[in-house]
């Protein structure tokens, strides 16, 4: 058993390690092709990470990415590709900011209201794709892509001053208004800045994700349905209900992805609110192999690339180097995981063949002894 666990661990680590190595090499090739030093940008990024304020930015960004990746991972475990996390996250943050700015309650109640609204809005938006899939067979890939576009237009309409938005004096930006201080989530003061309090909630949700999927009947049904909906249905599991439930949970978690920034930094929603978080979550979920621990380190890596590459242009290097590397990671992840899967399958087949041959030899020896 120990040998089996060791082999499985090594194979599990081989995929992401190979993907990162390939992405690093290919990024270096791109730099060489551009007559640039292939090593110096990475050295500059590591130097930037030594500053405490950059470390705080990395941790805060990791919390946001972690939640977005968990939302994607819930869908992946059900064999669902929820590309709509970005739209769900932004629409949930926008509506939650509107509600949060419109009321004033005691601190815990105010924060709880904002968080619950964000989860409900995210679940509702993802649930549309879930209903379309379970009732009409519409691919969640197509529906969530369309819902992203609709969410963008809906946000632009809702935030107009003639509707629910505000335009600060002397600014061209539009906002939902400021959330009163009672709706701010307490932060942790450290050297270099503040770590958003909701970042720790994000990491705690990783444990909840692991426990529900691996230690509950619901999690077993969800994984079984993702592996084979027909087999799960034959064993008494309502596959369509599980698909809808998974989409609702994925959307609810996506709605939480905006909370670290909203409750810990901006306290309002505007057009400057981060975008593309949901798509980055796909990269992180793939690299982390849907494991809460793997997702954490993948989110930390991507956050590191984002925050430490911001000043590369001051040294003559384009900060888009980090974006190139993230794209290469996605490609490398798909290829490396398939290579590792095929190697593991061949290794298992060879091991089974050796065991059968050994058993046959033992049987022959016993018969000869008689």
Protein backbone atom coordinates (compact mmCIF):
# COMPACT_ATOMS: atom_id res chain seq x y z
CA UNK A 1 0.00 0.00 0.00
CA UNK A 2 2.85 2.38 0.84
CA UNK A 3 4.44 1.66 -2.53
CA UNK A 4 1.15 2.35 -4.30
CA UNK A 5 0.62 5.63 -2.46
CA UNK A 6 4.18 6.72 -3.23
CA UNK A 7 3.79 5.96 -6.92
CA UNK A 8 0.47 7.76 -7.09
CA UNK A 9 1.97 10.81 -5.37
CA UNK A 10 4.92 10.88 -7.77
CA UNK A 11 2.64 10.58 -10.79
CA UNK A 12 0.40 13.31 -9.39
CA UNK A 13 3.35 15.67 -9.02
CA UNK A 14 4.89 14.77 -12.36
CA UNK A 15 2.15 16.53 -14.37
CA UNK A 16 2.41 20.04 -12.89
CA UNK A 17 6.20 19.87 -12.52
CA UNK A 18 6.58 18.88 -16.17
CA UNK A 19 4.13 21.60 -17.24
CA UNK A 20 6.02 24.30 -15.33
CA UNK A 21 9.36 23.13 -16.69
CA UNK A 22 8.06 23.17 -20.27
CA UNK A 23 6.47 26.61 -19.78
CA UNK A 24 9.73 27.99 -18.36
CA UNK A 25 11.78 26.58 -21.24
CA UNK A 26 9.38 27.84 -23.91
CA UNK A 27 9.25 31.30 -22.31
CA UNK A 28 13.05 31.38 -22.36
CA UNK A 29 12.98 30.42 -26.05
CA UNK A 30 10.61 33.31 -26.76
CA UNK A 31 12.97 35.69 -24.96
CA UNK A 32 15.97 34.34 -26.87
CA UNK A 33 14.11 34.75 -30.15
CA UNK A 34 13.57 38.40 -29.18
CA UNK A 35 17.29 38.88 -28.44
CA UNK A 36 16.59 39.16 -24.71
CA UNK A 37 18.25 37.60 -21.70
CA UNK A 38 16.20 34.44 -20.95
CA UNK A 39 17.09 34.41 -17.24
CA UNK A 40 17.12 38.03 -16.07
CA UNK A 41 13.30 38.57 -16.12
CA UNK A 42 12.84 35.66 -13.74
CA UNK A 43 15.60 36.98 -11.48
CA UNK A 44 13.92 40.40 -11.43
CA UNK A 45 10.61 38.79 -10.51
CA UNK A 46 12.17 36.89 -7.61
CA UNK A 47 13.87 40.09 -6.44
CA UNK A 48 10.51 41.88 -6.48
CA UNK A 49 8.96 39.09 -4.39
CA UNK A 50 11.45 39.83 -1.60
CA UNK A 51 9.64 43.09 -0.76
CA UNK A 52 7.01 42.80 1.96
CA UNK A 53 4.43 44.96 0.16
CA UNK A 54 4.64 42.73 -2.94
CA UNK A 55 4.28 39.65 -0.72
CA UNK A 56 1.06 41.09 0.72
CA UNK A 57 -0.26 41.75 -2.79
CA UNK A 58 0.56 38.17 -3.78
CA UNK A 59 -1.28 36.70 -0.77
CA UNK A 60 -4.35 38.86 -1.34
CA UNK A 61 -4.46 37.95 -5.03
CA UNK A 62 -4.03 34.28 -4.14
CA UNK A 63 -7.26 34.37 -2.10
CA UNK A 64 -9.26 35.72 -5.04
CA UNK A 65 -7.75 33.25 -7.50
CA UNK A 66 -8.24 30.39 -5.05
CA UNK A 67 -12.00 30.98 -4.86
CA UNK A 68 -12.32 31.31 -8.64
CA UNK A 69 -10.39 28.08 -9.14
CA UNK A 70 -12.50 26.24 -6.55
CA UNK A 71 -15.61 27.31 -8.48
CA UNK A 72 -14.13 25.88 -11.68
CA UNK A 73 -12.96 22.72 -9.88
CA UNK A 74 -16.48 21.94 -8.61
CA UNK A 75 -17.63 21.84 -12.21
CA UNK A 76 -14.61 19.82 -13.32
CA UNK A 77 -15.33 17.14 -10.70
CA UNK A 78 -18.75 16.77 -12.31
CA UNK A 79 -17.22 16.74 -15.80
CA UNK A 80 -18.72 20.19 -16.36
CA UNK A 81 -16.77 23.07 -17.92
CA UNK A 82 -18.06 26.22 -16.24
CA UNK A 83 -16.45 28.95 -18.35
CA UNK A 84 -18.92 31.46 -16.90
CA UNK A 85 -17.13 31.95 -13.57
CA UNK A 86 -15.92 35.38 -14.66
CA UNK A 87 -19.44 36.63 -15.44
CA UNK A 88 -20.85 35.05 -12.28
CA UNK A 89 -18.10 36.63 -10.18
CA UNK A 90 -18.49 40.14 -11.60
CA UNK A 91 -22.29 40.21 -11.56
CA UNK A 92 -22.34 38.86 -7.99
CA UNK A 93 -19.80 41.46 -6.82
CA UNK A 94 -21.75 44.26 -8.51
CA UNK A 95 -25.16 43.35 -7.04
CA UNK A 96 -23.63 42.65 -3.62
CA UNK A 97 -21.95 46.07 -3.71
CA UNK A 98 -25.27 47.71 -4.60
CA UNK A 99 -27.07 46.04 -1.70
CA UNK A 100 -24.16 46.66 0.65
CA UNK A 101 -24.12 50.39 -0.15
CA UNK A 102 -27.89 50.71 0.16
CA UNK A 103 -28.20 49.41 3.74
CA UNK A 104 -26.45 49.98 7.04
CA UNK A 105 -26.54 47.16 9.59
CA UNK A 106 -24.43 46.00 12.53
CA UNK A 107 -21.05 44.79 11.27
CA UNK A 108 -21.49 40.99 11.23
CA UNK A 109 -25.01 41.21 9.79
CA UNK A 110 -23.94 43.69 7.12
CA UNK A 111 -21.04 41.51 6.00
CA UNK A 112 -23.20 38.39 6.09
CA UNK A 113 -25.85 40.08 3.92
CA UNK A 114 -23.28 41.09 1.30
CA UNK A 115 -21.75 37.61 1.22
CA UNK A 116 -25.13 35.85 1.00
CA UNK A 117 -26.29 38.15 -1.81
CA UNK A 118 -23.07 37.45 -3.74
CA UNK A 119 -23.53 33.69 -3.37
CA UNK A 120 -27.18 33.82 -4.42
CA UNK A 121 -26.49 35.96 -7.49
CA UNK A 122 -23.58 33.75 -8.56
CA UNK A 123 -25.67 30.61 -8.04
CA UNK A 124 -28.60 32.10 -9.95
CA UNK A 125 -26.45 33.05 -12.95
CA UNK A 126 -24.77 29.64 -13.07
CA UNK A 127 -28.13 27.96 -12.49
CA UNK A 128 -29.41 29.31 -15.80
CA UNK A 129 -26.76 27.25 -17.60
CA UNK A 130 -27.57 24.28 -15.36
CA UNK A 131 -31.29 24.43 -16.21
CA UNK A 132 -30.55 24.75 -19.92
CA UNK A 133 -28.31 21.69 -19.77
CA UNK A 134 -30.67 19.48 -17.76
CA UNK A 135 -33.88 20.44 -19.58
CA UNK A 136 -32.72 21.18 -23.13
CA UNK A 137 -29.33 19.51 -23.35
CA UNK A 138 -27.54 22.81 -24.07
CA UNK A 139 -23.78 22.51 -23.54
CA UNK A 140 -22.68 24.44 -20.45
CA UNK A 141 -19.65 25.65 -22.44
CA UNK A 142 -21.84 27.50 -24.94
CA UNK A 143 -24.38 28.80 -22.43
CA UNK A 144 -21.81 30.07 -19.91
CA UNK A 145 -19.85 31.88 -22.63
CA UNK A 146 -23.05 33.63 -23.72
CA UNK A 147 -23.95 34.38 -20.11
CA UNK A 148 -20.55 36.05 -19.64
CA UNK A 149 -21.38 38.47 -22.44
CA UNK A 150 -24.87 39.08 -21.07
CA UNK A 151 -23.46 39.71 -17.58
CA UNK A 152 -21.06 42.31 -18.98
CA UNK A 153 -23.88 44.18 -20.71
CA UNK A 154 -26.18 43.87 -17.70
CA UNK A 155 -23.54 45.31 -15.38
CA UNK A 156 -22.94 48.21 -17.76
CA UNK A 157 -26.67 48.96 -17.75
CA UNK A 158 -27.22 48.60 -14.00
CA UNK A 159 -24.30 50.86 -13.11
CA UNK A 160 -25.58 53.80 -15.18
CA UNK A 161 -26.37 56.88 -13.03
CA UNK A 162 -29.91 56.81 -14.41
CA UNK A 163 -30.33 53.32 -12.88
CA UNK A 164 -28.39 52.32 -9.77
CA UNK A 165 -24.90 53.71 -10.32
CA UNK A 166 -23.13 56.87 -9.22
CA UNK A 167 -20.56 59.06 -10.92
CA UNK A 168 -18.07 60.60 -8.47
CA UNK A 169 -17.49 64.34 -9.00
CA UNK A 170 -14.60 65.01 -11.38
CA UNK A 171 -14.37 61.37 -12.48
CA UNK A 172 -15.41 59.51 -15.60
CA UNK A 173 -15.77 56.27 -13.64
CA UNK A 174 -19.10 54.84 -12.53
CA UNK A 175 -19.54 53.10 -9.17
CA UNK A 176 -22.23 51.48 -7.05
CA UNK A 177 -21.56 53.84 -4.14
CA UNK A 178 -19.40 53.15 -1.10
CA UNK A 179 -20.27 50.39 1.35
CA UNK A 180 -20.46 51.79 4.91
CA UNK A 181 -17.63 50.79 7.23
CA UNK A 182 -19.92 48.33 8.99
CA UNK A 183 -19.73 46.22 5.83
CA UNK A 184 -15.93 46.10 5.71
CA UNK A 185 -14.30 42.77 6.52
CA UNK A 186 -11.54 43.18 9.15
CA UNK A 187 -8.03 42.93 7.74
CA UNK A 188 -4.80 41.61 9.23
CA UNK A 189 -2.15 44.30 9.67
CA UNK A 190 1.30 43.04 8.69
CA UNK A 191 4.58 44.54 7.60
CA UNK A 192 3.99 45.81 4.09
CA UNK A 193 0.24 46.35 4.24
CA UNK A 194 -3.01 44.58 5.05
CA UNK A 195 -4.01 41.02 4.24
CA UNK A 196 -7.71 40.92 3.43
CA UNK A 197 -9.62 39.08 6.14
CA UNK A 198 -11.74 37.26 3.56
CA UNK A 199 -8.55 35.72 2.17
CA UNK A 200 -8.46 33.41 5.19
CA UNK A 201 -12.11 32.52 4.59
CA UNK A 202 -11.14 31.59 1.03
CA UNK A 203 -8.44 29.21 2.24
CA UNK A 204 -10.82 27.69 4.80
CA UNK A 205 -13.28 26.95 2.00
CA UNK A 206 -10.60 24.73 0.48
CA UNK A 207 -10.96 22.40 3.46
CA UNK A 208 -14.76 22.50 3.11
CA UNK A 209 -14.39 21.61 -0.58
CA UNK A 210 -12.16 18.64 0.27
CA UNK A 211 -14.41 17.40 3.09
CA UNK A 212 -17.66 17.60 1.11
CA UNK A 213 -16.21 15.87 -1.95
CA UNK A 214 -14.29 13.14 -0.16
CA UNK A 215 -16.10 12.53 3.12
CA UNK A 216 -19.82 12.90 2.37
CA UNK A 217 -22.42 10.94 0.45
CA UNK A 218 -23.21 14.01 -1.62
CA UNK A 219 -19.56 14.30 -2.66
CA UNK A 220 -19.46 10.64 -3.64
CA UNK A 221 -22.62 11.01 -5.74
CA UNK A 222 -21.18 14.11 -7.38
CA UNK A 223 -17.90 12.40 -8.29
CA UNK A 224 -19.69 9.25 -9.42
CA UNK A 225 -21.97 11.25 -11.69
CA UNK A 226 -18.99 13.07 -13.14
CA UNK A 227 -17.22 9.77 -13.84
CA UNK A 228 -20.26 8.13 -15.47
CA UNK A 229 -23.73 9.65 -15.36
CA UNK A 230 -25.35 6.46 -16.70
CA UNK A 231 -23.69 4.26 -14.07
CA UNK A 232 -24.59 6.72 -11.32
CA UNK A 233 -28.18 6.87 -12.51
CA UNK A 234 -28.34 3.07 -12.55
CA UNK A 235 -27.30 3.05 -8.90
CA UNK A 236 -30.10 5.43 -7.94
CA UNK A 237 -28.47 8.85 -8.31
CA UNK A 238 -30.48 11.55 -10.06
CA UNK A 239 -27.85 12.65 -12.60
CA UNK A 240 -29.75 15.73 -13.79
CA UNK A 241 -30.28 16.91 -10.24
CA UNK A 242 -26.55 16.50 -9.54
CA UNK A 243 -25.66 18.50 -12.66
CA UNK A 244 -27.92 21.37 -11.60
CA UNK A 245 -26.68 21.22 -8.00
CA UNK A 246 -23.05 21.28 -9.12
CA UNK A 247 -23.67 24.33 -11.30
CA UNK A 248 -25.43 26.12 -8.43
CA UNK A 249 -22.57 25.39 -6.03
CA UNK A 250 -19.98 26.40 -8.62
CA UNK A 251 -21.80 29.70 -9.19
CA UNK A 252 -22.14 30.35 -5.45
CA UNK A 253 -18.39 29.88 -4.94
CA UNK A 254 -17.72 32.07 -8.00
CA UNK A 255 -19.83 34.76 -6.36
CA UNK A 256 -17.48 34.70 -3.37
CA UNK A 257 -14.42 35.33 -5.56
CA UNK A 258 -15.06 39.07 -5.53
CA UNK A 259 -15.44 39.34 -1.77
CA UNK A 260 -11.76 39.68 -0.78
CA UNK A 261 -11.40 42.74 -3.00
CA UNK A 262 -14.86 44.20 -2.37
CA UNK A 263 -14.89 43.82 1.42
CA UNK A 264 -11.19 44.36 1.99
CA UNK A 265 -10.11 47.01 -0.51
CA UNK A 266 -12.43 48.86 -2.89
CA UNK A 267 -15.68 48.77 -0.83
CA UNK A 268 -17.47 49.56 -4.08
CA UNK A 269 -17.88 48.12 -7.56
CA UNK A 270 -16.67 50.13 -10.53
CA UNK A 271 -15.31 49.54 -14.01
CA UNK A 272 -11.86 49.28 -12.39
CA UNK A 273 -12.89 46.09 -10.61
CA UNK A 274 -10.60 43.18 -11.64
CA UNK A 275 -11.72 41.25 -14.73
CA UNK A 276 -10.56 37.95 -16.17
CA UNK A 277 -10.43 36.31 -12.74
CA UNK A 278 -12.70 33.46 -13.83
CA UNK A 279 -10.55 32.57 -16.83
CA UNK A 280 -7.43 32.61 -14.66
CA UNK A 281 -9.28 30.26 -12.31
CA UNK A 282 -9.51 27.72 -15.15
CA UNK A 283 -5.72 27.75 -15.52
CA UNK A 284 -5.25 27.34 -11.78
CA UNK A 285 -7.79 24.51 -11.46
CA UNK A 286 -6.10 22.64 -14.31
CA UNK A 287 -2.63 23.13 -12.88
CA UNK A 288 -3.79 22.20 -9.37
CA UNK A 289 -5.59 19.08 -10.65
CA UNK A 290 -8.78 20.06 -8.78
CA UNK A 291 -7.06 19.35 -5.45
CA UNK A 292 -7.46 22.05 -2.76
CA UNK A 293 -3.74 21.88 -1.93
CA UNK A 294 -2.70 21.82 -5.58
CA UNK A 295 -5.02 24.72 -6.35
CA UNK A 296 -3.50 26.74 -3.51
CA UNK A 297 0.04 26.40 -4.85
CA UNK A 298 -1.14 27.02 -8.41
CA UNK A 299 -2.97 30.19 -7.29
CA UNK A 300 0.14 31.29 -5.40
CA UNK A 301 2.27 30.75 -8.52
CA UNK A 302 -0.04 32.69 -10.83
CA UNK A 303 -0.35 35.50 -8.25
CA UNK A 304 3.44 35.59 -8.05
CA UNK A 305 3.68 35.95 -11.83
CA UNK A 306 1.03 38.70 -11.86
CA UNK A 307 2.43 40.87 -9.08
CA UNK A 308 6.16 40.48 -9.63
CA UNK A 309 5.95 41.16 -13.37
CA UNK A 310 4.37 44.60 -12.90
CA UNK A 311 7.73 46.42 -12.88
CA UNK A 312 9.48 44.45 -15.62
CA UNK A 313 8.90 47.24 -18.14
CA UNK A 314 11.10 49.51 -16.00
CA UNK A 315 14.00 47.16 -16.73
CA UNK A 316 13.38 46.90 -20.46
CA UNK A 317 11.23 43.78 -20.38
CA UNK A 318 7.54 43.66 -21.23
CA UNK A 319 5.37 42.63 -18.27
CA UNK A 320 3.35 40.50 -20.71
CA UNK A 321 6.08 37.90 -20.24
CA UNK A 322 4.04 36.63 -17.28
CA UNK A 323 0.94 36.42 -19.47
CA UNK A 324 2.86 34.43 -22.07
CA UNK A 325 4.05 32.03 -19.38
CA UNK A 326 0.51 31.57 -18.04
CA UNK A 327 -0.72 30.72 -21.53
CA UNK A 328 2.12 28.28 -22.03
CA UNK A 329 1.30 26.67 -18.69
CA UNK A 330 -2.24 25.96 -19.89
CA UNK A 331 -0.99 24.27 -23.05
CA UNK A 332 1.75 22.40 -21.22
CA UNK A 333 -0.66 21.22 -18.51
CA UNK A 334 -2.94 19.53 -21.03
CA UNK A 335 -0.04 17.82 -22.82
CA UNK A 336 1.92 16.83 -19.71
CA UNK A 337 -1.10 15.40 -17.89
CA UNK A 338 -1.92 13.24 -20.88
CA UNK A 339 1.67 12.01 -21.10
CA UNK A 340 1.71 11.22 -17.38
CA UNK A 341 -1.66 9.47 -17.65
CA UNK A 342 -0.47 7.28 -20.51
CA UNK A 343 2.77 6.48 -18.68
CA UNK A 344 0.87 5.54 -15.53
CA UNK A 345 -1.50 3.34 -17.53
CA UNK A 346 1.38 1.54 -19.26
CA UNK A 347 3.17 1.12 -15.94
CA UNK A 348 0.06 -0.33 -14.32
CA UNK A 349 -0.46 -2.73 -17.24
CA UNK A 350 3.15 -3.86 -17.04
CA UNK A 351 2.87 -4.38 -13.29
CA UNK A 352 -0.30 -6.45 -13.69
CA UNK A 353 1.41 -8.50 -16.42
CA UNK A 354 4.37 -9.17 -14.14
CA UNK A 355 2.09 -10.26 -11.30
CA UNK A 356 0.17 -12.61 -13.62
CA UNK A 357 3.42 -14.07 -14.95
CA UNK A 358 4.72 -14.59 -11.41
CA UNK A 359 1.48 -16.28 -10.41
CA UNK A 360 1.61 -18.55 -13.44
CA UNK A 361 5.24 -19.48 -12.70
CA UNK A 362 4.38 -20.29 -9.09
CA UNK A 363 1.48 -22.46 -10.19
CA UNK A 364 3.71 -24.31 -12.66
CA UNK A 365 6.34 -24.90 -9.97
CA UNK A 366 3.75 -26.34 -7.60
CA UNK A 367 2.42 -28.67 -10.27
CA UNK A 368 5.97 -29.84 -11.07
CA UNK A 369 6.63 -30.50 -7.39
CA UNK A 370 3.65 -32.82 -7.23
